[in-house]
Amino acid sequence: MPDTLTQTATDRASAELSQLLGDRLVTSRGDRTHHSHGEGLPDAGMPDFVAYPQTTDEVAALAAICSAHGIPMVPYGAGSSLEGQVAAVRGGVSVDLTRMNRVLDVSPGSLDCHVEAGVTRMQLNRHLRDSGLFFPLDPGADATLGGMAATRASGTNAVGYGTMREVVLGLTVVTPDGRIIRTGTRARKSATGYDLTRLYVGSEGTLGFITELRLRLAGQPEGVVCAVCQFPTLEAAVGTATLARQMDLRAVRLELLDEVQADACIRYSKLEKMQPLPTLFVEFHGTPQAVREQAGLFRELAEDNGSVSWDEAETLEERMTLWTARHSCYEACIALKPGSRNMGTDACVPIEHLAEVILETQADVKSSGLIAPIVGHVGDGNFHLGIVFDPEDADERARADALADRVSRRALRFGGTCSGEHGVGLHKMRYLAEEHGEGLEIMRAIKAALDPLGLMNPGKLIPERAETPGG
């Protein structure tokens, strides 16, 4: 497929899409610029059009038109992705699904719901507030649920409730040529056919449009205990988290801040009770008696590992303040150096190697001369770096890229993955051959079979065959 569109194809597609969508097909520079990038790195790709469909049928008609004229299609949700997934690197149409934002059905008896792809996680939880249920995944950003499925998102609750891979029961998907398919059922298990739901979850918009989702929900817990404990060393903090998992303490959240990130959060969110020390945030859900018992065991373990404080957030307001501060890590990093950008990157390793990998990474950060706080969902071996750099300084950008590269390769060396939750997008394609080996050829075959014209989010996730493990 050519990298640029012919004017004839563009004009024909524009006329047909305008007839389909009317003023919901936009070509203004402001809209196109807004849809040219997500969060994180400033790298962008400008679409030729921005489309705002409102139904699955409209998405299907749009896909059929684009397929007929060879127009690339890039699904777009809240724009909160960090690895360049929404950049229209080959032009075409950015398909903004945020107007498909209806909660279609909630079934308390089966603990599930049916939503359109543009519903955000916070919107869904507001809808569920009086039902006794909640949607448990919390990636921090108020991402759309379709985008969360597309990137296989997770977040702070993943250690207790799983990732989008576990909570998606079924999908409605529009194929690149405009067919509508439905995957999965409302049953909690099935032994029939290929698992198409899991194929599309994590496909980053490269195989089709996710337009509707059937999701598992959880009951709101009767008891919640949330606590913060701090340690004199990063090794002691990570060791506590690792031992807690090995002892099967049932934390639903288990988060780490190194001393640099703790200091950033203290300044940005005005956390008066905290010191700039390695910090664990932990939360337990269950019956009041069970969560107290689990929290007590965790506290004993922390004290055995030299913790210097233990503070519990008892009220809902206190817990929300605490977790809001945790979710503000991205902005807190940037505030350490005003005018900078945050190259957020993540990796995930087997829990037995977590302490070694994080300590090695922290030493790497110090030798790089950059500011790069470490924050992690350490309950499942996932950690992040917020690499702060000046986008106008070519040397800083190069050093930031090199540091992020070493983080990914270090994770692979320890049997892990280059991304636990951010996904691949543009920035991590170079690691796919090393991580998946011959499996990458199977992925290429699937892509070619389901998107033979290469129109769905081209230039993302699956590297060209010339790509090598060395980048």
Protein backbone atom coordinates (compact mmCIF):
# COMPACT_ATOMS: atom_id res chain seq x y z
CA MET A 1 0.00 0.00 0.00
CA PRO A 2 1.44 3.44 -0.88
CA ASP A 3 2.36 5.75 2.00
CA THR A 4 0.40 8.64 0.48
CA LEU A 5 -3.09 8.69 -0.96
CA THR A 6 -3.88 9.75 -4.51
CA GLN A 7 -5.99 12.89 -4.70
CA THR A 8 -8.63 11.04 -6.71
CA ALA A 9 -9.09 8.37 -4.03
CA THR A 10 -9.18 11.02 -1.33
CA ASP A 11 -11.78 13.10 -3.14
CA ARG A 12 -14.03 10.12 -3.85
CA ALA A 13 -13.78 8.87 -0.28
CA SER A 14 -14.44 12.37 1.05
CA ALA A 15 -17.60 12.70 -1.04
CA GLU A 16 -18.98 9.31 0.04
CA LEU A 17 -18.07 9.79 3.69
CA SER A 18 -19.64 13.25 3.68
CA GLN A 19 -22.84 11.75 2.30
CA LEU A 20 -22.76 9.15 5.10
CA LEU A 21 -21.84 11.39 8.02
CA GLY A 22 -22.67 14.96 7.00
CA ASP A 23 -21.00 17.49 9.30
CA ARG A 24 -19.60 14.61 11.38
CA LEU A 25 -16.80 14.28 8.80
CA VAL A 26 -14.36 17.05 9.69
CA THR A 27 -11.30 18.35 7.85
CA SER A 28 -10.38 21.37 9.99
CA ARG A 29 -6.73 21.59 10.94
CA GLY A 30 -7.60 21.88 14.62
CA ASP A 31 -9.53 18.60 14.70
CA ARG A 32 -6.94 16.82 12.60
CA THR A 33 -4.09 18.04 14.82
CA HIS A 34 -5.94 16.94 17.95
CA HIS A 35 -6.33 13.46 16.47
CA SER A 36 -2.74 13.21 15.22
CA HIS A 37 -1.25 11.99 18.51
CA GLY A 38 -2.00 10.61 21.95
CA GLU A 39 -0.27 11.28 25.27
CA GLY A 40 3.43 10.80 25.84
CA LEU A 41 5.86 11.48 23.04
CA PRO A 42 5.12 14.41 20.72
CA ASP A 43 5.52 12.23 17.60
CA ALA A 44 2.44 12.71 15.42
CA GLY A 45 0.76 11.61 12.20
CA MET A 46 -1.85 13.89 10.65
CA PRO A 47 -5.07 12.31 9.33
CA ASP A 48 -6.75 13.66 6.22
CA PHE A 49 -10.21 13.48 7.84
CA VAL A 50 -11.73 12.97 11.28
CA ALA A 51 -14.97 10.96 11.35
CA TYR A 52 -17.46 10.81 14.24
CA PRO A 53 -19.74 7.80 13.69
CA GLN A 54 -22.59 7.21 16.14
CA THR A 55 -23.54 3.59 15.45
CA THR A 56 -21.93 0.28 14.54
CA ASP A 57 -23.75 0.41 11.20
CA GLU A 58 -22.13 3.76 10.42
CA VAL A 59 -18.70 2.37 11.26
CA ALA A 60 -19.38 -0.57 8.94
CA ALA A 61 -20.44 1.74 6.10
CA LEU A 62 -17.37 3.92 6.70
CA ALA A 63 -15.07 0.89 6.59
CA ALA A 64 -16.63 -0.31 3.34
CA ILE A 65 -16.07 3.10 1.72
CA CYS A 66 -12.46 3.34 2.94
CA SER A 67 -11.74 -0.23 1.82
CA ALA A 68 -13.11 0.48 -1.65
CA HIS A 69 -10.84 3.51 -2.06
CA GLY A 70 -7.75 2.30 -0.19
CA ILE A 71 -8.06 4.83 2.63
CA PRO A 72 -6.24 4.00 5.92
CA MET A 73 -8.40 3.93 9.06
CA VAL A 74 -7.19 4.72 12.59
CA PRO A 75 -9.54 4.05 15.54
CA TYR A 76 -9.49 6.85 18.13
CA GLY A 77 -10.91 6.95 21.66
CA ALA A 78 -9.87 9.24 24.50
CA GLY A 79 -6.40 9.76 23.01
CA SER A 80 -4.69 8.64 26.23
CA SER A 81 -2.48 5.95 24.68
CA LEU A 82 1.25 6.35 25.29
CA GLU A 83 2.97 4.47 22.47
CA GLY A 84 1.72 6.33 19.39
CA GLN A 85 -1.23 4.02 18.70
CA VAL A 86 -3.52 6.79 17.40
CA ALA A 87 -1.08 8.67 15.15
CA ALA A 88 -2.22 8.53 11.52
CA VAL A 89 1.26 7.87 10.16
CA ARG A 90 -0.08 7.22 6.64
CA GLY A 91 -2.88 9.75 6.65
CA GLY A 92 -6.41 8.58 5.99
CA VAL A 93 -9.30 8.91 8.40
CA SER A 94 -9.15 9.08 12.20
CA VAL A 95 -12.36 7.39 13.37
CA ASP A 96 -13.35 8.97 16.69
CA LEU A 97 -15.68 6.58 18.54
CA THR A 98 -16.37 8.80 21.55
CA ARG A 99 -19.91 9.62 20.37
CA MET A 100 -20.76 5.93 20.64
CA ASN A 101 -21.11 6.32 24.38
CA ARG A 102 -24.25 4.48 25.49
CA VAL A 103 -24.47 1.93 28.30
CA LEU A 104 -26.74 -0.52 26.51
CA ASP A 105 -27.52 -2.99 29.28
CA VAL A 106 -26.52 -3.92 32.83
CA SER A 107 -27.31 -7.36 34.28
CA PRO A 108 -26.78 -7.47 38.07
CA GLY A 109 -27.80 -11.14 38.14
CA SER A 110 -25.01 -12.16 35.77
CA LEU A 111 -22.55 -9.43 36.86
CA ASP A 112 -22.05 -8.14 33.33
CA CYS A 113 -22.87 -5.19 31.09
CA HIS A 114 -23.07 -4.26 27.41
CA VAL A 115 -21.58 -0.91 26.37
CA GLU A 116 -20.56 0.99 23.27
CA ALA A 117 -16.85 1.52 22.68
CA GLY A 118 -16.87 5.24 23.51
CA VAL A 119 -18.11 4.75 27.09
CA THR A 120 -15.32 5.64 29.52
CA ARG A 121 -14.54 3.66 32.64
CA MET A 122 -15.58 6.55 34.93
CA GLN A 123 -18.83 7.02 33.01
CA LEU A 124 -19.61 3.33 33.43
CA ASN A 125 -18.90 3.41 37.15
CA ARG A 126 -21.13 6.46 37.60
CA HIS A 127 -23.89 4.53 35.83
CA LEU A 128 -23.31 1.54 38.14
CA ARG A 129 -23.12 3.56 41.36
CA ASP A 130 -26.48 2.44 42.79
CA SER A 131 -26.36 -1.12 41.43
CA GLY A 132 -23.97 -2.62 43.98
CA LEU A 133 -21.55 -3.35 41.11
CA PHE A 134 -18.50 -1.64 39.67
CA PHE A 135 -16.09 -1.97 36.77
CA PRO A 136 -12.80 -2.76 38.53
CA LEU A 137 -10.06 -1.89 36.03
CA ASP A 138 -8.37 1.45 36.68
CA PRO A 139 -5.55 2.49 34.31
CA GLY A 140 -5.54 6.02 35.73
CA ALA A 141 -6.71 7.92 32.67
CA ASP A 142 -10.45 8.08 31.99
CA ALA A 143 -9.94 5.95 28.91
CA THR A 144 -12.70 4.66 26.65
CA LEU A 145 -13.52 1.00 27.18
CA GLY A 146 -13.02 0.28 23.49
CA GLY A 147 -9.54 1.77 23.68
CA MET A 148 -8.80 -0.18 26.83
CA ALA A 149 -9.76 -3.40 25.06
CA ALA A 150 -7.73 -2.48 21.99
CA THR A 151 -4.57 -1.98 24.06
CA ARG A 152 -5.29 -4.79 26.55
CA ALA A 153 -5.14 -2.22 29.35
CA SER A 154 -5.05 -2.96 33.06
CA GLY A 155 -3.82 -0.57 35.79
CA THR A 156 -3.68 -0.43 39.56
CA ASN A 157 -6.37 -3.06 40.22
CA ALA A 158 -4.95 -5.69 37.88
CA VAL A 159 -3.32 -7.76 40.63
CA GLY A 160 -6.75 -8.35 42.15
CA TYR A 161 -9.17 -8.19 39.22
CA GLY A 162 -7.10 -8.98 36.14
CA THR A 163 -6.71 -7.09 32.86
CA MET A 164 -9.00 -6.38 29.92
CA ARG A 165 -8.09 -9.86 28.68
CA GLU A 166 -9.96 -11.33 31.66
CA VAL A 167 -12.94 -8.96 31.91
CA VAL A 168 -14.04 -8.85 28.25
CA LEU A 169 -16.67 -11.53 27.59
CA GLY A 170 -17.43 -10.59 24.00
CA LEU A 171 -17.12 -7.89 21.36
CA THR A 172 -18.85 -6.39 18.38
CA VAL A 173 -16.20 -5.78 15.73
CA VAL A 174 -16.34 -4.12 12.32
CA THR A 175 -13.89 -5.74 9.92
CA PRO A 176 -11.74 -3.63 7.55
CA ASP A 177 -14.10 -4.34 4.64
CA GLY A 178 -17.23 -3.38 6.60
CA ARG A 179 -18.63 -6.66 7.94
CA ILE A 180 -20.06 -6.77 11.47
CA ILE A 181 -19.11 -9.75 13.63
CA ARG A 182 -19.84 -10.64 17.23
CA THR A 183 -17.42 -12.64 19.34
CA GLY A 184 -17.97 -14.52 22.57
CA THR A 185 -21.16 -14.99 24.57
CA ARG A 186 -22.43 -14.02 28.00
CA ALA A 187 -21.39 -17.42 29.33
CA ARG A 188 -18.36 -17.35 31.64
CA LYS A 189 -16.63 -20.07 29.64
CA SER A 190 -16.84 -21.71 26.25
CA ALA A 191 -15.08 -24.57 24.47
CA THR A 192 -16.19 -23.70 20.91
CA GLY A 193 -14.06 -22.38 18.08
CA TYR A 194 -11.10 -20.04 18.01
CA ASP A 195 -11.05 -17.40 20.75
CA LEU A 196 -11.70 -14.38 18.53
CA THR A 197 -12.42 -12.16 21.52
CA ARG A 198 -8.87 -12.54 22.80
CA LEU A 199 -7.54 -12.02 19.27
CA TYR A 200 -9.09 -8.56 19.05
CA VAL A 201 -8.29 -7.61 22.66
CA GLY A 202 -4.80 -6.14 22.39
CA SER A 203 -4.83 -5.83 18.59
CA GLU A 204 -4.44 -2.02 18.86
CA GLY A 205 -6.86 -1.29 16.05
CA THR A 206 -4.86 -3.21 13.46
CA LEU A 207 -7.50 -5.88 12.73
CA GLY A 208 -10.81 -4.01 12.93
CA PHE A 209 -12.94 -1.58 14.93
CA ILE A 210 -14.19 -2.61 18.37
CA THR A 211 -17.59 -0.89 18.57
CA GLU A 212 -19.34 -2.68 21.47
CA LEU A 213 -18.18 -4.71 24.48
CA ARG A 214 -19.74 -7.20 26.89
CA LEU A 215 -17.82 -6.83 30.18
CA ARG A 216 -17.61 -8.65 33.49
CA LEU A 217 -18.42 -6.55 36.55
CA ALA A 218 -17.56 -7.04 40.22
CA GLY A 219 -19.55 -6.55 43.39
CA GLN A 220 -18.69 -3.47 45.40
CA PRO A 221 -16.64 -4.72 48.37
CA GLU A 222 -18.13 -4.58 51.84
CA GLY A 223 -14.77 -3.77 53.40
CA VAL A 224 -11.78 -1.79 52.07
CA VAL A 225 -8.45 -1.11 53.74
CA CYS A 226 -5.91 1.11 52.00
CA ALA A 227 -2.49 1.84 53.47
CA VAL A 228 0.83 3.52 52.69
CA CYS A 229 4.10 2.22 54.05
CA GLN A 230 7.56 3.66 53.44
CA PHE A 231 11.01 2.09 53.50
CA PRO A 232 14.61 3.22 53.88
CA THR A 233 15.62 1.46 50.64
CA LEU A 234 14.05 0.54 47.32
CA GLU A 235 15.25 -3.04 47.79
CA ALA A 236 13.26 -3.35 51.05
CA ALA A 237 10.10 -1.98 49.41
CA VAL A 238 10.30 -4.28 46.38
CA GLY A 239 11.22 -7.23 48.60
CA THR A 240 8.11 -6.64 50.71
CA ALA A 241 5.88 -6.57 47.64
CA THR A 242 7.46 -9.74 46.27
CA LEU A 243 7.10 -11.63 49.54
CA ALA A 244 3.49 -10.51 49.91
CA ARG A 245 2.69 -12.08 46.55
CA GLN A 246 4.59 -15.25 47.37
CA MET A 247 2.64 -15.52 50.65
CA ASP A 248 -0.61 -15.10 48.67
CA LEU A 249 -1.76 -12.00 50.53
CA ARG A 250 -4.82 -10.94 48.54
CA ALA A 251 -4.07 -7.31 47.77
CA VAL A 252 -6.13 -5.91 44.90
CA ARG A 253 -3.69 -3.02 44.54
CA LEU A 254 0.03 -3.12 45.27
CA GLU A 255 1.88 -0.08 43.96
CA LEU A 256 5.48 1.10 44.27
CA LEU A 257 7.00 4.59 44.08
CA ASP A 258 10.75 5.03 44.22
CA GLU A 259 12.08 7.96 46.25
CA VAL A 260 12.17 10.27 43.22
CA GLN A 261 8.56 9.57 42.31
CA ALA A 262 7.50 9.85 45.96
CA ASP A 263 9.12 13.28 46.15
CA ALA A 264 7.39 14.34 42.92
CA CYS A 265 3.99 13.21 44.22
CA ILE A 266 4.51 14.89 47.59
CA ARG A 267 5.20 18.20 45.84
CA TYR A 268 2.52 17.91 43.17
CA SER A 269 -0.32 16.50 45.29
CA LYS A 270 0.73 18.03 48.64
CA LEU A 271 0.92 14.72 50.53
CA GLU A 272 1.85 15.97 53.98
CA LYS A 273 2.09 12.54 55.66
CA MET A 274 4.63 11.13 53.20
CA GLN A 275 8.40 11.42 53.08
CA PRO A 276 10.54 11.24 49.89
CA LEU A 277 11.29 7.56 50.46
CA PRO A 278 10.53 4.33 48.55
CA THR A 279 6.82 3.78 49.10
CA LEU A 280 4.24 1.02 48.77
CA PHE A 281 0.51 1.66 48.38
CA VAL A 282 -1.61 -1.39 49.18
CA GLU A 283 -5.36 -2.00 49.17
CA PHE A 284 -7.47 -4.98 50.23
CA HIS A 285 -11.14 -5.70 49.35
CA GLY A 286 -13.47 -8.18 51.03
CA THR A 287 -15.36 -8.58 54.26
CA PRO A 288 -14.37 -6.16 57.04
CA GLN A 289 -12.80 -8.97 59.06
CA ALA A 290 -10.89 -10.43 56.11
CA VAL A 291 -9.40 -7.13 54.95
CA ARG A 292 -8.30 -6.25 58.48
CA GLU A 293 -6.59 -9.61 58.81
CA GLN A 294 -4.85 -9.28 55.43
CA ALA A 295 -3.76 -5.69 56.15
CA GLY A 296 -2.38 -6.76 59.51
CA LEU A 297 -0.32 -9.53 57.94
CA PHE A 298 1.01 -7.13 55.31
CA ARG A 299 1.96 -4.61 57.99
CA GLU A 300 3.89 -7.28 59.90
CA LEU A 301 5.71 -8.24 56.73
CA ALA A 302 6.56 -4.60 55.98
CA GLU A 303 7.88 -4.06 59.50
CA ASP A 304 9.99 -7.20 59.22
CA ASN A 305 11.54 -5.60 56.12
CA GLY A 306 12.33 -2.35 57.92
CA SER A 307 9.38 -0.12 57.05
CA VAL A 308 9.50 3.26 58.79
CA SER A 309 5.79 4.13 58.62
CA TRP A 310 2.30 2.69 58.20
CA ASP A 311 -0.62 5.03 57.50
CA GLU A 312 -4.12 3.83 56.67
CA ALA A 313 -6.62 5.77 54.57
CA GLU A 314 -9.88 4.94 56.29
CA THR A 315 -12.58 7.09 54.66
CA LEU A 316 -13.63 7.05 51.02
CA GLU A 317 -12.42 10.64 50.66
CA GLU A 318 -8.99 9.76 52.05
CA ARG A 319 -8.69 6.77 49.74
CA MET A 320 -9.69 8.81 46.71
CA THR A 321 -7.14 11.51 47.60
CA LEU A 322 -4.44 8.88 47.92
CA TRP A 323 -5.19 7.14 44.62
CA THR A 324 -5.66 10.44 42.80
CA ALA A 325 -2.14 11.32 43.89
CA ARG A 326 -0.90 7.96 42.62
CA HIS A 327 -2.62 8.50 39.29
CA SER A 328 -1.06 11.97 39.03
CA CYS A 329 2.43 10.48 38.77
CA TYR A 330 2.61 11.35 35.06
CA GLU A 331 1.91 15.04 35.67
CA ALA A 332 4.04 15.07 38.82
CA CYS A 333 7.05 13.91 36.77
CA ILE A 334 6.64 16.77 34.31
CA ALA A 335 6.31 19.24 37.17
CA LEU A 336 9.83 18.29 38.29
CA LYS A 337 11.11 20.05 35.16
CA PRO A 338 8.60 22.57 33.77
CA GLY A 339 8.45 22.67 29.98
CA SER A 340 9.53 19.05 29.68
CA ARG A 341 7.75 16.00 28.28
CA ASN A 342 7.32 12.61 29.93
CA MET A 343 8.43 9.59 27.91
CA GLY A 344 6.36 7.07 29.83
CA THR A 345 7.53 3.52 29.24
CA ASP A 346 6.75 0.23 30.93
CA ALA A 347 7.99 -3.34 31.19
CA CYS A 348 6.90 -6.46 33.03
CA VAL A 349 9.06 -9.29 34.39
CA PRO A 350 8.58 -12.49 36.40
CA ILE A 351 8.02 -11.51 40.02
CA GLU A 352 11.10 -13.44 41.20
CA HIS A 353 13.30 -11.06 39.15
CA LEU A 354 11.44 -7.84 39.94
CA ALA A 355 13.77 -6.51 42.65
CA GLU A 356 16.89 -7.17 40.59
CA VAL A 357 15.44 -5.56 37.46
CA ILE A 358 14.16 -2.44 39.25
CA LEU A 359 17.43 -1.91 41.13
CA GLU A 360 19.41 -2.35 37.91
CA THR A 361 17.07 0.09 36.19
CA GLN A 362 17.43 2.68 38.94
CA ALA A 363 21.22 2.50 38.62
CA ASP A 364 20.84 2.91 34.86
CA VAL A 365 18.72 6.02 35.38
CA LYS A 366 21.35 7.58 37.65
CA SER A 367 24.12 6.95 35.13
CA SER A 368 22.02 8.45 32.30
CA GLY A 369 21.92 11.88 33.93
CA LEU A 370 18.15 12.07 33.35
CA ILE A 371 15.21 12.45 35.72
CA ALA A 372 13.22 9.22 35.45
CA PRO A 373 11.10 8.28 38.47
CA ILE A 374 10.04 4.65 38.82
CA VAL A 375 6.47 3.67 39.61
CA GLY A 376 5.13 0.17 39.40
CA HIS A 377 2.19 -2.20 39.66
CA VAL A 378 4.65 -4.42 41.47
CA GLY A 379 2.01 -6.93 42.51
CA ASP A 380 2.17 -8.35 38.98
CA GLY A 381 5.77 -7.51 38.07
CA ASN A 382 4.91 -4.42 36.01
CA PHE A 383 6.80 -1.14 36.42
CA HIS A 384 7.02 2.20 34.62
CA LEU A 385 9.58 4.90 34.06
CA GLY A 386 8.56 8.52 33.57
CA ILE A 387 11.59 9.71 31.60
CA VAL A 388 11.59 13.51 31.74
CA PHE A 389 13.23 15.24 28.77
CA ASP A 390 13.29 18.52 26.87
CA PRO A 391 11.69 17.90 23.46
CA GLU A 392 13.79 20.73 21.98
CA ASP A 393 17.06 19.18 23.17
CA ALA A 394 18.20 16.53 20.67
CA ASP A 395 20.77 15.09 23.09
CA GLU A 396 18.22 14.68 25.89
CA ARG A 397 15.75 13.05 23.51
CA ALA A 398 18.45 10.64 22.32
CA ARG A 399 19.43 9.74 25.89
CA ALA A 400 15.77 9.27 26.84
CA ASP A 401 15.22 6.97 23.85
CA ALA A 402 18.34 4.99 24.76
CA LEU A 403 17.23 4.60 28.38
CA ALA A 404 13.77 3.42 27.33
CA ASP A 405 15.41 0.96 24.93
CA ARG A 406 17.56 -0.50 27.70
CA VAL A 407 14.50 -0.92 29.95
CA SER A 408 12.75 -2.99 27.28
CA ARG A 409 15.79 -5.11 26.49
CA ARG A 410 16.48 -5.70 30.18
CA ALA A 411 12.94 -6.98 30.67
CA LEU A 412 13.35 -9.37 27.74
CA ARG A 413 16.68 -10.58 29.12
CA PHE A 414 14.93 -11.58 32.36
CA GLY A 415 12.15 -13.47 30.58
CA GLY A 416 9.66 -10.61 30.61
CA THR A 417 7.93 -8.39 28.08
CA CYS A 418 8.68 -4.97 26.64
CA SER A 419 5.22 -3.78 27.71
CA GLY A 420 2.91 -4.97 30.44
CA GLU A 421 0.11 -2.56 29.60
CA HIS A 422 1.04 0.41 27.37
CA GLY A 423 1.13 -1.74 24.25
CA VAL A 424 3.37 -1.61 21.19
CA GLY A 425 2.05 1.13 18.92
CA LEU A 426 4.89 2.82 17.04
CA HIS A 427 7.59 2.81 19.66
CA LYS A 428 8.04 -0.84 20.64
CA MET A 429 7.77 -2.67 17.33
CA ARG A 430 11.53 -3.21 17.30
CA TYR A 431 11.24 -5.69 20.19
CA LEU A 432 8.51 -7.93 18.76
CA ALA A 433 10.85 -10.30 16.90
CA GLU A 434 13.04 -10.78 19.98
CA GLU A 435 10.08 -11.29 22.29
CA HIS A 436 7.94 -13.54 20.08
CA GLY A 437 10.38 -15.23 17.71
CA GLU A 438 8.62 -17.24 15.01
CA GLY A 439 5.31 -16.28 16.59
CA LEU A 440 5.71 -12.91 14.89
CA GLU A 441 5.25 -14.60 11.51
CA ILE A 442 1.93 -16.03 12.71
CA MET A 443 0.88 -12.52 13.74
CA ARG A 444 1.82 -11.25 10.29
CA ALA A 445 -0.24 -14.03 8.71
CA ILE A 446 -3.27 -13.13 10.85
CA LYS A 447 -2.89 -9.45 9.94
CA ALA A 448 -2.65 -10.30 6.23
CA ALA A 449 -5.69 -12.59 6.41
CA LEU A 450 -7.95 -10.16 8.28
CA ASP A 451 -6.68 -6.90 6.75
CA PRO A 452 -5.30 -7.88 3.32
CA LEU A 453 -5.13 -4.27 2.11
CA GLY A 454 -3.24 -3.13 5.20
CA LEU A 455 -5.70 -0.30 5.92
CA MET A 456 -6.34 -0.78 9.66
CA ASN A 457 -4.01 1.43 11.70
CA PRO A 458 -1.08 0.82 9.34
CA GLY A 459 2.49 1.14 10.59
CA LYS A 460 1.64 -0.03 14.11
CA LEU A 461 2.17 -3.13 16.25
CA ILE A 462 3.48 -5.51 13.55
CA PRO A 463 6.92 -4.48 12.24
CA GLU A 464 7.86 -4.72 8.60
CA ARG A 465 9.81 -7.87 7.75
CA ALA A 466 13.03 -5.88 7.45
CA GLU A 467 12.83 -5.19 11.20
CA THR A 468 15.33 -7.21 13.20
CA PRO A 469 15.64 -7.95 16.90
CA GLY A 470 18.43 -5.38 17.02
CA GLY A 471 16.05 -2.57 16.07
